C-alpha atoms as a PDB file:
ATOM      1  CA  MET A   1      -0.036  -0.029  -0.026  1.00  0.00           C
ATOM      2  CA  ILE A   2       1.293   3.511  -0.870  1.00  0.00           C
ATOM      3  CA  SER A   3       1.789   5.370   2.401  1.00  0.00           C
ATOM      4  CA  LEU A   4       0.753   9.011   2.877  1.00  0.00           C
ATOM      5  CA  PRO A   5       3.308  11.715   3.863  1.00  0.00           C
ATOM      6  CA  ILE A   6       4.008  12.092   7.532  1.00  0.00           C
ATOM      7  CA  GLU A   7       4.401  15.859   7.998  1.00  0.00           C
ATOM      8  CA  ILE A   8       4.421  19.274   6.154  1.00  0.00           C
ATOM      9  CA  LYS A   9       6.484  22.099   7.611  1.00  0.00           C
ATOM     10  CA  GLN A  10       6.485  25.861   6.652  1.00  0.00           C
ATOM     11  CA  LYS A  11       9.821  27.579   7.038  1.00  0.00           C
ATOM     12  CA  THR A  12       9.987  31.161   8.241  1.00  0.00           C
ATOM     13  CA  ALA A  13      10.830  33.690   5.534  1.00  0.00           C
ATOM     14  CA  SER A  14      11.595  37.391   5.756  1.00  0.00           C
ATOM     15  CA  ASN A  15       9.370  38.231   2.863  1.00  0.00           C
ATOM     16  CA  PRO A  16       5.642  37.506   3.795  1.00  0.00           C
ATOM     17  CA  ASN A  17       4.926  36.932   0.011  1.00  0.00           C
ATOM     18  CA  ILE A  18       7.262  34.055  -0.068  1.00  0.00           C
ATOM     19  CA  GLY A  19       6.584  30.706   1.527  1.00  0.00           C
ATOM     20  CA  VAL A  20       8.776  27.583   1.658  1.00  0.00           C
ATOM     21  CA  PHE A  21       7.085  24.314   2.540  1.00  0.00           C
ATOM     22  CA  GLU A  22       8.530  20.833   3.152  1.00  0.00           C
ATOM     23  CA  ILE A  23       6.456  17.794   2.774  1.00  0.00           C
ATOM     24  CA  GLU A  24       8.179  14.774   4.315  1.00  0.00           C
ATOM     25  CA  GLY A  25       7.725  11.062   4.144  1.00  0.00           C
ATOM     26  CA  LEU A  26       6.434  10.873   0.594  1.00  0.00           C
ATOM     27  CA  HIS A  27       6.541   7.332  -0.891  1.00  0.00           C
ATOM     28  CA  PRO A  28       9.566   6.861  -3.142  1.00  0.00           C
ATOM     29  CA  ASN A  29       9.209   8.884  -6.478  1.00  0.00           C
ATOM     30  CA  TYR A  30       6.074  10.545  -5.234  1.00  0.00           C
ATOM     31  CA  GLY A  31       7.855  13.832  -4.587  1.00  0.00           C
ATOM     32  CA  ILE A  32       8.162  14.825  -8.222  1.00  0.00           C
ATOM     33  CA  THR A  33       4.712  13.474  -9.067  1.00  0.00           C
ATOM     34  CA  ILE A  34       3.075  15.438  -6.283  1.00  0.00           C
ATOM     35  CA  GLY A  35       5.224  18.442  -6.734  1.00  0.00           C
ATOM     36  CA  ASN A  36       4.741  18.922 -10.493  1.00  0.00           C
ATOM     37  CA  ALA A  37       0.877  18.571 -10.063  1.00  0.00           C
ATOM     38  CA  LEU A  38       0.917  21.244  -7.399  1.00  0.00           C
ATOM     39  CA  ARG A  39       3.185  23.528  -9.217  1.00  0.00           C
ATOM     40  CA  ARG A  40       0.874  23.384 -12.443  1.00  0.00           C
ATOM     41  CA  VAL A  41      -2.219  24.079 -10.382  1.00  0.00           C
ATOM     42  CA  LEU A  42      -0.597  26.923  -8.454  1.00  0.00           C
ATOM     43  CA  LEU A  43       0.508  28.701 -11.503  1.00  0.00           C
ATOM     44  CA  SER A  44      -2.652  28.246 -13.563  1.00  0.00           C
ATOM     45  CA  SER A  45      -5.749  27.760 -11.292  1.00  0.00           C
ATOM     46  CA  ILE A  46      -5.525  29.986  -8.143  1.00  0.00           C
ATOM     47  CA  GLU A  47      -8.148  32.669  -8.441  1.00  0.00           C
ATOM     48  CA  GLY A  48      -7.003  36.238  -8.448  1.00  0.00           C
ATOM     49  CA  ALA A  49      -7.909  39.642  -9.842  1.00  0.00           C
ATOM     50  CA  ALA A  50      -6.401  41.757 -12.683  1.00  0.00           C
ATOM     51  CA  VAL A  51      -7.000  44.695 -14.995  1.00  0.00           C
ATOM     52  CA  THR A  52      -9.272  43.774 -17.868  1.00  0.00           C
ATOM     53  CA  ALA A  53     -10.138  47.189 -19.426  1.00  0.00           C
ATOM     54  CA  ILE A  54      -8.868  50.747 -19.390  1.00  0.00           C
ATOM     55  CA  LYS A  55     -10.617  53.976 -20.437  1.00  0.00           C
ATOM     56  CA  ILE A  56      -8.449  57.085 -20.754  1.00  0.00           C
ATOM     57  CA  LYS A  57     -10.094  60.468 -21.436  1.00  0.00           C
ATOM     58  CA  GLY A  58      -9.050  61.906 -24.767  1.00  0.00           C
ATOM     59  CA  ALA A  59      -7.588  58.627 -25.922  1.00  0.00           C
ATOM     60  CA  PRO A  60      -9.955  56.516 -28.005  1.00  0.00           C
ATOM     61  CA  HIS A  61      -7.334  53.819 -28.608  1.00  0.00           C
ATOM     62  CA  GLU A  62      -3.861  52.806 -27.315  1.00  0.00           C
ATOM     63  CA  PHE A  63      -1.982  54.520 -30.210  1.00  0.00           C
ATOM     64  CA  SER A  64      -3.200  57.995 -29.205  1.00  0.00           C
ATOM     65  CA  GLU A  65      -1.181  60.764 -27.678  1.00  0.00           C
ATOM     66  CA  ILE A  66      -2.239  62.945 -24.787  1.00  0.00           C
ATOM     67  CA  GLU A  67      -1.012  66.627 -24.589  1.00  0.00           C
ATOM     68  CA  GLY A  68       0.868  67.349 -21.502  1.00  0.00           C
ATOM     69  CA  VAL A  69       1.612  63.712 -20.736  1.00  0.00           C
ATOM     70  CA  LEU A  70       5.199  62.416 -21.262  1.00  0.00           C
ATOM     71  CA  GLU A  71       4.223  58.779 -21.831  1.00  0.00           C
ATOM     72  CA  SER A  72       2.332  57.471 -24.842  1.00  0.00           C
ATOM     73  CA  VAL A  73      -1.139  55.947 -24.243  1.00  0.00           C
ATOM     74  CA  LEU A  74       0.397  52.606 -24.966  1.00  0.00           C
ATOM     75  CA  ASP A  75       3.068  53.129 -22.378  1.00  0.00           C
ATOM     76  CA  ILE A  76       0.270  54.071 -19.752  1.00  0.00           C
ATOM     77  CA  VAL A  77      -1.744  51.005 -20.702  1.00  0.00           C
ATOM     78  CA  LEU A  78       1.337  48.738 -20.201  1.00  0.00           C
ATOM     79  CA  ASN A  79       2.013  50.418 -16.861  1.00  0.00           C
ATOM     80  CA  ILE A  80      -1.575  49.915 -15.668  1.00  0.00           C
ATOM     81  CA  LYS A  81      -1.563  46.205 -16.696  1.00  0.00           C
ATOM     82  CA  MET A  82       1.122  45.761 -14.079  1.00  0.00           C
ATOM     83  CA  LEU A  83      -1.231  46.721 -11.206  1.00  0.00           C
ATOM     84  CA  GLU A  84      -1.370  43.978  -8.565  1.00  0.00           C
ATOM     85  CA  VAL A  85      -4.732  44.044  -6.754  1.00  0.00           C
ATOM     86  CA  LYS A  86      -6.843  42.178  -4.247  1.00  0.00           C
ATOM     87  CA  LEU A  87     -10.518  42.202  -4.876  1.00  0.00           C
ATOM     88  CA  PHE A  88     -12.949  41.781  -1.940  1.00  0.00           C
ATOM     89  CA  ASN A  89     -16.041  41.488  -4.093  1.00  0.00           C
ATOM     90  CA  GLU A  90     -17.279  38.942  -6.671  1.00  0.00           C
ATOM     91  CA  GLU A  91     -18.521  41.683  -9.031  1.00  0.00           C
ATOM     92  CA  ALA A  92     -16.192  43.655 -11.356  1.00  0.00           C
ATOM     93  CA  GLN A  93     -14.910  47.054  -9.793  1.00  0.00           C
ATOM     94  CA  THR A  94     -13.784  50.249 -11.159  1.00  0.00           C
ATOM     95  CA  LEU A  95     -10.727  52.231 -10.178  1.00  0.00           C
ATOM     96  CA  VAL A  96     -10.726  55.961 -10.965  1.00  0.00           C
ATOM     97  CA  LEU A  97      -7.782  58.312 -11.327  1.00  0.00           C
ATOM     98  CA  SER A  98      -8.203  62.085 -11.900  1.00  0.00           C
ATOM     99  CA  VAL A  99      -4.987  64.212 -11.684  1.00  0.00           C
ATOM    100  CA  LYS A 100      -3.911  67.699 -12.660  1.00  0.00           C
ATOM    101  CA  GLY A 101      -0.703  69.590 -12.622  1.00  0.00           C
ATOM    102  CA  GLU A 102       2.948  68.935 -13.079  1.00  0.00           C
ATOM    103  CA  LYS A 103       3.742  65.661 -11.289  1.00  0.00           C
ATOM    104  CA  GLU A 104       4.452  61.981 -11.463  1.00  0.00           C
ATOM    105  CA  ILE A 105       1.480  59.713 -11.093  1.00  0.00           C
ATOM    106  CA  PHE A 106       1.622  56.432  -9.088  1.00  0.00           C
ATOM    107  CA  ALA A 107      -0.840  53.701  -8.349  1.00  0.00           C
ATOM    108  CA  SER A 108      -1.472  55.226  -4.961  1.00  0.00           C
ATOM    109  CA  ASP A 109      -3.082  58.156  -6.747  1.00  0.00           C
ATOM    110  CA  PHE A 110      -6.121  56.224  -7.690  1.00  0.00           C
ATOM    111  CA  ASP A 111      -9.247  57.019  -5.755  1.00  0.00           C
ATOM    112  CA  LYS A 112     -10.028  54.769  -2.782  1.00  0.00           C
ATOM    113  CA  ASN A 113     -12.390  51.812  -3.552  1.00  0.00           C
ATOM    114  CA  PRO A 114     -13.309  49.766  -0.435  1.00  0.00           C
ATOM    115  CA  ASN A 115     -13.661  46.569  -2.552  1.00  0.00           C
ATOM    116  CA  VAL A 116     -10.180  46.851  -4.170  1.00  0.00           C
ATOM    117  CA  GLU A 117      -6.732  46.897  -2.545  1.00  0.00           C
ATOM    118  CA  ILE A 118      -3.683  47.900  -4.628  1.00  0.00           C
ATOM    119  CA  GLN A 119      -0.605  45.889  -3.586  1.00  0.00           C
ATOM    120  CA  ASN A 120       2.026  47.741  -5.523  1.00  0.00           C
ATOM    121  CA  LYS A 121       1.012  51.300  -4.760  1.00  0.00           C
ATOM    122  CA  ASP A 122       4.513  52.622  -5.755  1.00  0.00           C
ATOM    123  CA  LEU A 123       3.950  51.634  -9.398  1.00  0.00           C
ATOM    124  CA  LYS A 124       4.477  54.517 -11.742  1.00  0.00           C
ATOM    125  CA  ILE A 125       1.560  55.175 -14.125  1.00  0.00           C
ATOM    126  CA  ALA A 126       2.562  58.362 -16.032  1.00  0.00           C
ATOM    127  CA  THR A 127       4.154  61.785 -15.793  1.00  0.00           C
ATOM    128  CA  LEU A 128       2.304  65.169 -16.337  1.00  0.00           C
ATOM    129  CA  THR A 129       4.735  67.711 -17.804  1.00  0.00           C
ATOM    130  CA  ASN A 130       3.125  71.033 -17.124  1.00  0.00           C
ATOM    131  CA  LYS A 131       0.704  72.800 -14.647  1.00  0.00           C
ATOM    132  CA  LYS A 132      -2.106  72.572 -17.233  1.00  0.00           C
ATOM    133  CA  SER A 133      -1.670  68.892 -17.762  1.00  0.00           C
ATOM    134  CA  GLU A 134      -4.491  66.503 -16.627  1.00  0.00           C
ATOM    135  CA  LEU A 135      -5.211  62.824 -16.840  1.00  0.00           C
ATOM    136  CA  GLU A 136      -8.449  60.997 -16.198  1.00  0.00           C
ATOM    137  CA  ILE A 137      -8.417  57.115 -16.217  1.00  0.00           C
ATOM    138  CA  GLU A 138     -11.065  54.439 -15.360  1.00  0.00           C
ATOM    139  CA  VAL A 139      -9.706  50.892 -14.831  1.00  0.00           C
ATOM    140  CA  THR A 140     -11.936  47.746 -14.695  1.00  0.00           C
ATOM    141  CA  ILE A 141     -10.860  45.006 -12.321  1.00  0.00           C
ATOM    142  CA  GLU A 142     -12.273  41.406 -12.473  1.00  0.00           C
ATOM    143  CA  ARG A 143     -11.747  38.149 -10.960  1.00  0.00           C
ATOM    144  CA  GLY A 144     -10.434  35.111 -12.954  1.00  0.00           C
ATOM    145  CA  THR A 145      -7.874  32.428 -13.045  1.00  0.00           C
ATOM    146  CA  GLY A 146      -4.985  31.729 -15.268  1.00  0.00           C
ATOM    147  CA  TYR A 147      -4.359  33.987 -18.317  1.00  0.00           C
ATOM    148  CA  ARG A 148      -6.954  35.518 -20.606  1.00  0.00           C
ATOM    149  CA  THR A 149      -5.834  36.751 -24.012  1.00  0.00           C
ATOM    150  CA  LEU A 150      -7.101  39.880 -25.669  1.00  0.00           C
ATOM    151  CA  GLU A 151      -9.073  37.843 -28.199  1.00  0.00           C
ATOM    152  CA  GLU A 152     -10.926  36.055 -25.250  1.00  0.00           C
ATOM    153  CA  ALA A 153     -11.584  39.399 -23.666  1.00  0.00           C
ATOM    154  CA  LYS A 154     -13.173  40.989 -26.734  1.00  0.00           C
ATOM    155  CA  GLN A 155     -16.880  41.653 -26.473  1.00  0.00           C
ATOM    156  CA  ASP A 156     -19.523  42.114 -29.095  1.00  0.00           C
ATOM    157  CA  LYS A 157     -20.294  45.711 -28.001  1.00  0.00           C
ATOM    158  CA  THR A 158     -17.232  47.210 -26.363  1.00  0.00           C
ATOM    159  CA  PRO A 159     -17.961  50.891 -25.325  1.00  0.00           C
ATOM    160  CA  ILE A 160     -16.179  53.451 -27.527  1.00  0.00           C
ATOM    161  CA  GLY A 161     -12.908  54.503 -25.915  1.00  0.00           C
ATOM    162  CA  THR A 162     -12.558  51.373 -23.819  1.00  0.00           C
ATOM    163  CA  ILE A 163      -9.205  49.649 -24.336  1.00  0.00           C
ATOM    164  CA  LEU A 164      -9.412  45.852 -23.585  1.00  0.00           C
ATOM    165  CA  VAL A 165      -6.298  44.183 -22.412  1.00  0.00           C
ATOM    166  CA  ASP A 166      -5.000  40.650 -21.879  1.00  0.00           C
ATOM    167  CA  SER A 167      -5.071  39.813 -18.156  1.00  0.00           C
ATOM    168  CA  ALA A 168      -2.902  37.570 -15.894  1.00  0.00           C
ATOM    169  CA  PHE A 169      -5.144  36.692 -12.907  1.00  0.00           C
ATOM    170  CA  SER A 170      -2.925  34.420 -11.130  1.00  0.00           C
ATOM    171  CA  PRO A 171      -1.737  35.838  -7.709  1.00  0.00           C
ATOM    172  CA  VAL A 172       1.090  33.205  -7.739  1.00  0.00           C
ATOM    173  CA  THR A 173       4.090  34.700  -9.575  1.00  0.00           C
ATOM    174  CA  ARG A 174       6.728  31.934  -8.999  1.00  0.00           C
ATOM    175  CA  VAL A 175       6.903  28.401  -7.837  1.00  0.00           C
ATOM    176  CA  LYS A 176      10.056  26.271  -7.374  1.00  0.00           C
ATOM    177  CA  VAL A 177       9.733  22.457  -6.691  1.00  0.00           C
ATOM    178  CA  ASP A 178      12.699  20.419  -5.549  1.00  0.00           C
ATOM    179  CA  THR A 179      12.891  16.836  -3.970  1.00  0.00           C
ATOM    180  CA  GLU A 180      15.561  15.069  -1.902  1.00  0.00           C
ATOM    181  CA  ASP A 181      15.792  11.541  -0.406  1.00  0.00           C
ATOM    182  CA  MET A 182      15.215  10.984   3.233  1.00  0.00           C
ATOM    183  CA  ARG A 183      15.321   8.017   5.657  1.00  0.00           C
ATOM    184  CA  LEU A 184      12.032   6.422   6.691  1.00  0.00           C
ATOM    185  CA  LYS A 185      10.903   2.877   7.699  1.00  0.00           C
ATOM    186  CA  GLY A 186      14.399   1.501   7.324  1.00  0.00           C
ATOM    187  CA  ARG A 187      14.715   2.837   3.764  1.00  0.00           C
ATOM    188  CA  VAL A 188      16.645   5.869   2.438  1.00  0.00           C
ATOM    189  CA  ASP A 189      14.722   6.481  -0.766  1.00  0.00           C
ATOM    190  CA  TYR A 190      11.526   8.110   0.642  1.00  0.00           C
ATOM    191  CA  ASN A 191      10.999  11.700  -0.579  1.00  0.00           C
ATOM    192  CA  ARG A 192      10.984  15.205   0.986  1.00  0.00           C
ATOM    193  CA  LEU A 193       9.258  17.567  -1.307  1.00  0.00           C
ATOM    194  CA  ILE A 194      10.373  21.270  -1.025  1.00  0.00           C
ATOM    195  CA  ILE A 195       8.020  23.877  -2.588  1.00  0.00           C
ATOM    196  CA  GLU A 196       8.897  27.547  -2.761  1.00  0.00           C
ATOM    197  CA  ILE A 197       5.878  29.847  -3.467  1.00  0.00           C
ATOM    198  CA  GLU A 198       5.923  33.519  -4.164  1.00  0.00           C
ATOM    199  CA  THR A 199       2.709  35.619  -4.547  1.00  0.00           C
ATOM    200  CA  ASN A 200       1.917  39.171  -5.310  1.00  0.00           C
ATOM    201  CA  GLY A 201       0.578  39.618  -1.864  1.00  0.00           C
ATOM    202  CA  SER A 202      -3.108  39.422  -2.643  1.00  0.00           C
ATOM    203  CA  VAL A 203      -3.073  35.805  -1.299  1.00  0.00           C
ATOM    204  CA  THR A 204      -0.648  34.237   1.162  1.00  0.00           C
ATOM    205  CA  PRO A 205       1.637  31.264  -0.047  1.00  0.00           C
ATOM    206  CA  LYS A 206      -0.007  29.046   2.597  1.00  0.00           C
ATOM    207  CA  ASP A 207      -3.531  29.758   1.275  1.00  0.00           C
ATOM    208  CA  ALA A 208      -2.446  29.311  -2.380  1.00  0.00           C
ATOM    209  CA  LEU A 209      -0.981  25.930  -1.509  1.00  0.00           C
ATOM    210  CA  GLU A 210      -4.106  24.917   0.339  1.00  0.00           C
ATOM    211  CA  GLU A 211      -6.369  25.900  -2.502  1.00  0.00           C
ATOM    212  CA  ALA A 212      -4.154  23.944  -4.916  1.00  0.00           C
ATOM    213  CA  GLY A 213      -4.409  20.828  -2.741  1.00  0.00           C
ATOM    214  CA  ASN A 214      -8.166  21.282  -2.618  1.00  0.00           C
ATOM    215  CA  ILE A 215      -8.508  21.591  -6.443  1.00  0.00           C
ATOM    216  CA  LEU A 216      -6.446  18.459  -7.068  1.00  0.00           C
ATOM    217  CA  ALA A 217      -8.325  16.567  -4.229  1.00  0.00           C
ATOM    218  CA  GLN A 218     -11.681  17.424  -5.760  1.00  0.00           C
ATOM    219  CA  HIS A 219     -10.686  16.137  -9.293  1.00  0.00           C
ATOM    220  CA  PHE A 220      -9.126  12.977  -7.955  1.00  0.00           C
ATOM    221  CA  ALA A 221     -12.196  12.346  -5.750  1.00  0.00           C
ATOM    222  CA  TRP A 222     -14.557  12.903  -8.626  1.00  0.00           C
ATOM    223  CA  ILE A 223     -12.627  10.304 -10.802  1.00  0.00           C
ATOM    224  CA  SER A 224     -12.574   7.838  -7.897  1.00  0.00           C
ATOM    225  CA  ASP A 225     -16.295   8.294  -7.053  1.00  0.00           C
ATOM    226  CA  GLU A 226     -17.473   8.134 -10.727  1.00  0.00           C
ATOM    227  CA  LEU A 227     -15.645   4.860 -11.231  1.00  0.00           C
ATOM    228  CA  SER A 228     -16.219   3.218  -7.905  1.00  0.00           C
ATOM    229  CA  GLY A 229     -19.919   2.459  -8.546  1.00  0.00           C
ATOM    230  CA  LYS A 230     -20.752   3.444  -5.053  1.00  0.00           C
ATOM    231  CA  ASP A 231     -23.935   5.353  -4.428  1.00  0.00           C
ATOM    232  CA  LYS A 232     -22.739   8.260  -2.335  1.00  0.00           C
ATOM    233  CA  THR A 233     -26.298   9.695  -2.345  1.00  0.00           C
ATOM    234  CA  LYS A 234     -27.685   6.636  -0.550  1.00  0.00           C
ATOM    235  CA  GLU A 235     -24.855   6.567   1.916  1.00  0.00           C
ATOM    236  CA  LYS A 236     -25.456  10.209   2.889  1.00  0.00           C
ATOM    237  CA  THR A 237     -29.136   9.756   3.088  1.00  0.00           C
ATOM    238  CA  SER A 238     -28.777   7.050   5.685  1.00  0.00           C
ATOM    239  CA  ASP A 239     -27.395   9.675   7.988  1.00  0.00           C
ATOM    240  CA  LEU A 240     -29.950  12.280   7.142  1.00  0.00           C
ATOM    241  CA  THR A 241     -32.136  11.558  10.148  1.00  0.00           C
ATOM    242  CA  VAL A 242     -29.331  12.346  12.550  1.00  0.00           C
ATOM    243  CA  GLU A 243     -28.228  15.442  10.626  1.00  0.00           C
ATOM    244  CA  SER A 244     -31.701  16.861  10.205  1.00  0.00           C
ATOM    245  CA  GLU A 245     -31.678  17.485  13.897  1.00  0.00           C
ATOM    246  CA  ILE A 246     -29.613  20.533  13.089  1.00  0.00           C
ATOM    247  CA  THR A 247     -31.662  23.588  12.365  1.00  0.00           C
ATOM    248  CA  ILE A 248     -31.446  24.380   8.580  1.00  0.00           C
ATOM    249  CA  ASN A 249     -32.689  27.622   7.051  1.00  0.00           C
ATOM    250  CA  VAL A 250     -31.762  29.808   4.074  1.00  0.00           C
ATOM    251  CA  ASP A 251     -28.868  31.364   5.962  1.00  0.00           C
ATOM    252  CA  THR A 252     -27.237  28.064   6.758  1.00  0.00           C
ATOM    253  CA  LYS A 253     -23.827  27.770   5.235  1.00  0.00           C
ATOM    254  CA  VAL A 254     -23.256  24.893   2.774  1.00  0.00           C
ATOM    255  CA  GLU A 255     -20.370  23.642   4.983  1.00  0.00           C
ATOM    256  CA  ASP A 256     -22.984  22.873   7.656  1.00  0.00           C
ATOM    257  CA  LEU A 257     -25.437  21.027   5.377  1.00  0.00           C
ATOM    258  CA  PRO A 258     -25.615  17.186   5.456  1.00  0.00           C
ATOM    259  CA  LEU A 259     -23.877  16.819   2.096  1.00  0.00           C
ATOM    260  CA  SER A 260     -20.717  14.985   1.157  1.00  0.00           C
ATOM    261  CA  LYS A 261     -17.457  16.758   1.477  1.00  0.00           C
ATOM    262  CA  ARG A 262     -16.980  16.609  -2.374  1.00  0.00           C
ATOM    263  CA  VAL A 263     -20.357  18.248  -2.982  1.00  0.00           C
ATOM    264  CA  ILE A 264     -19.685  21.086  -0.369  1.00  0.00           C
ATOM    265  CA  ASN A 265     -16.348  21.854  -1.892  1.00  0.00           C
ATOM    266  CA  CYS A 266     -17.815  21.999  -5.303  1.00  0.00           C
ATOM    267  CA  LEU A 267     -20.509  24.441  -4.196  1.00  0.00           C
ATOM    268  CA  VAL A 268     -18.035  26.643  -2.463  1.00  0.00           C
ATOM    269  CA  GLU A 269     -15.748  26.695  -5.511  1.00  0.00           C
ATOM    270  CA  ASN A 270     -18.759  27.826  -7.560  1.00  0.00           C
ATOM    271  CA  LYS A 271     -19.528  30.690  -5.134  1.00  0.00           C
ATOM    272  CA  ILE A 272     -22.467  29.037  -3.475  1.00  0.00           C
ATOM    273  CA  LYS A 273     -22.011  29.854   0.168  1.00  0.00           C
ATOM    274  CA  THR A 274     -25.496  29.497   1.674  1.00  0.00           C
ATOM    275  CA  LEU A 275     -28.567  27.289   1.226  1.00  0.00           C
ATOM    276  CA  GLY A 276     -30.529  30.372   0.206  1.00  0.00           C
ATOM    277  CA  LYS A 277     -28.134  31.069  -2.616  1.00  0.00           C
ATOM    278  CA  LEU A 278     -28.274  27.418  -3.716  1.00  0.00           C
ATOM    279  CA  ILE A 279     -32.070  27.351  -4.096  1.00  0.00           C
ATOM    280  CA  LYS A 280     -32.000  30.478  -6.207  1.00  0.00           C
ATOM    281  CA  GLN A 281     -29.986  28.737  -8.809  1.00  0.00           C
ATOM    282  CA  LYS A 282     -31.431  27.329 -11.954  1.00  0.00           C
ATOM    283  CA  GLU A 283     -31.369  23.572 -12.163  1.00  0.00           C
ATOM    284  CA  GLU A 284     -29.477  23.595 -15.501  1.00  0.00           C
ATOM    285  CA  ASN A 285     -26.919  25.976 -14.062  1.00  0.00           C
ATOM    286  CA  VAL A 286     -26.108  23.749 -11.129  1.00  0.00           C
ATOM    287  CA  GLN A 287     -26.065  20.694 -13.243  1.00  0.00           C
ATOM    288  CA  HIS A 288     -23.128  22.374 -15.196  1.00  0.00           C
ATOM    289  CA  PHE A 289     -21.065  23.443 -12.266  1.00  0.00           C
ATOM    290  CA  GLU A 290     -17.518  22.813 -12.786  1.00  0.00           C
ATOM    291  CA  GLY A 291     -16.426  19.586 -10.986  1.00  0.00           C
ATOM    292  CA  LEU A 292     -20.052  18.516 -10.187  1.00  0.00           C
ATOM    293  CA  GLY A 293     -20.809  15.019 -11.498  1.00  0.00           C
ATOM    294  CA  GLU A 294     -24.166  13.403 -12.086  1.00  0.00           C
ATOM    295  CA  LYS A 295     -24.131  11.581  -8.680  1.00  0.00           C
ATOM    296  CA  SER A 296     -23.256  14.772  -6.844  1.00  0.00           C
ATOM    297  CA  PHE A 297     -26.055  16.634  -8.705  1.00  0.00           C
ATOM    298  CA  ASN A 298     -28.526  13.973  -7.648  1.00  0.00           C
ATOM    299  CA  GLU A 299     -27.277  14.185  -4.073  1.00  0.00           C
ATOM    300  CA  ILE A 300     -28.113  17.923  -4.058  1.00  0.00           C
ATOM    301  CA  LYS A 301     -31.532  17.372  -5.552  1.00  0.00           C
ATOM    302  CA  GLU A 302     -32.406  14.650  -3.041  1.00  0.00           C
ATOM    303  CA  PHE A 303     -31.244  16.744  -0.097  1.00  0.00           C
ATOM    304  CA  LEU A 304     -33.432  19.671  -1.211  1.00  0.00           C
ATOM    305  CA  SER A 305     -36.371  17.319  -1.768  1.00  0.00           C
ATOM    306  CA  ASN A 306     -36.160  16.032   1.756  1.00  0.00           C
ATOM    307  CA  GLN A 307     -36.169  19.563   3.052  1.00  0.00           C
ATOM    308  CA  GLY A 308     -39.227  20.505   0.846  1.00  0.00           C
ATOM    309  CA  LEU A 309     -37.046  22.583  -1.367  1.00  0.00           C
ATOM    310  CA  SER A 310     -35.937  22.605  -4.941  1.00  0.00           C
ATOM    311  CA  LEU A 311     -33.773  24.383  -7.511  1.00  0.00           C
ATOM    312  CA  GLN A 312     -35.340  27.043  -9.822  1.00  0.00           C
END
């Protein structure tokens, strides 16, 4: 039988955006197997926020010039794309900048938005060259994962003067994976996996690693459950009498519902945090949730039916 690791340690780093983790006691050759999988997920699948559109007053496109501004519009757009932000809301947010006079403009000059936190406030945006110069910018911030190209971002009806940009959503900027042998159970070929993670500050390395582990676990659990032939719905239903003693209402968090761990994780990943939000969803939308198989979908429907509820 393949044994599980025995311990995970986090080393102290001077930079809070860098985390070094050691996973000890991995079965021989599992270090690189687990490490590569985590690395790919960390770099491609951790949710973050990025600039998706820019609107600059007096600049209908990125090849325009603005009087009294040292940089070209293209240079300003490239600078703004480098904004590193943390988004506290599921909805797209707008950052506004309105500056006049001779001065250098930095990311810290954007108006405050309680739903957005700029990580690199010292990022230079542009330079106004005289006292009559002025610059007005609106920046759209959205959530996402991975990388979205300009072609993918294009919309059928983009407002005039709006410059769409390609967006790198991942808050993880660098991942280094290494393995070394260690002694365990009388053998010297067990693995120690060392993962170094650097983020832009909008998420901690620990949280990023935890999320990557959950994403992989959900996928592996789905494969196992779909192929096992076990009826997880029936197994869960047998416990429903005991669980139903818990008071359940529309404000109940999905984590507290008598559903399998795999279903709960899937609902949370799809932004369903309460029973009330779940029952507002259309049945066809829930059926197509990412990571939700047919058995899990039936589990949700049966639970709701037992509660006298249903999807839309």
